[in-house]
């Protein structure tokens, strides 16, 4: 059932799962509720649909975090820092947080909070927004069920699902995510999501405002690096 759900492009109703897998409806509901209790699947009550949950992602993402993604991305990110003189990092989505897997600090630049292994609220970070913008709306809603989900660090950032949706819509229109002083006061970031089957990773650049380099050139270098990492993942 988990393999079936993981291959779908969107959540599906329980009846469809039972039909496609040849399972009795009672067995299907029993399995779904048991897995939902452990977060391996998630139920979207408004649409009466079921999809892959955070726990299933965590199990599979453990392999990705430990080996291929970091190994394949480290050199392109180091070259990005050398080319731009701006600190860069790579993060993956973990529930409603992002976890940083790579941080490459530019020579002479201030230390960032995005050290390897650090978790930050996804809705505040450029990397998190780049990832969230590629997720189905129902999945974003499941990650942010109420206002209590919207913690802040500097008093800035979206405080509701409506505000977050506006931020993500702007991210999709631009093709990249940005944040300014929402993680650390006085620092700004831009990020580009990595287009892959999981859509759960992003690479970003962070600097102390204002940026002392040409913004368009920096953004172009970031986008080219993301494309390089994507090609390596394929």
Foldseek 3Di string as FASTA:
>chain_A
DLVVQLPDPDFAALVVVCVVVVHDSVVSVVVQVVCVVVQQKDALVVVNTIHGGLVVVVVVCVVVLVDDLCVLQVVLQLVLCVVQVFKKWKWFDRQQKIATRDTDHGPPADDDPNDHGDIDGLQQDQWSLQLVLPDDPSSVCVSDVAQVSDDFDQPDTDRGPVRSVVQSVVCVVVQKHKHACGHPHQKIKIWHFQDDSVSTMIMMTMHGPPDPDDPVVSVVSRVVSSVSSNVSVD
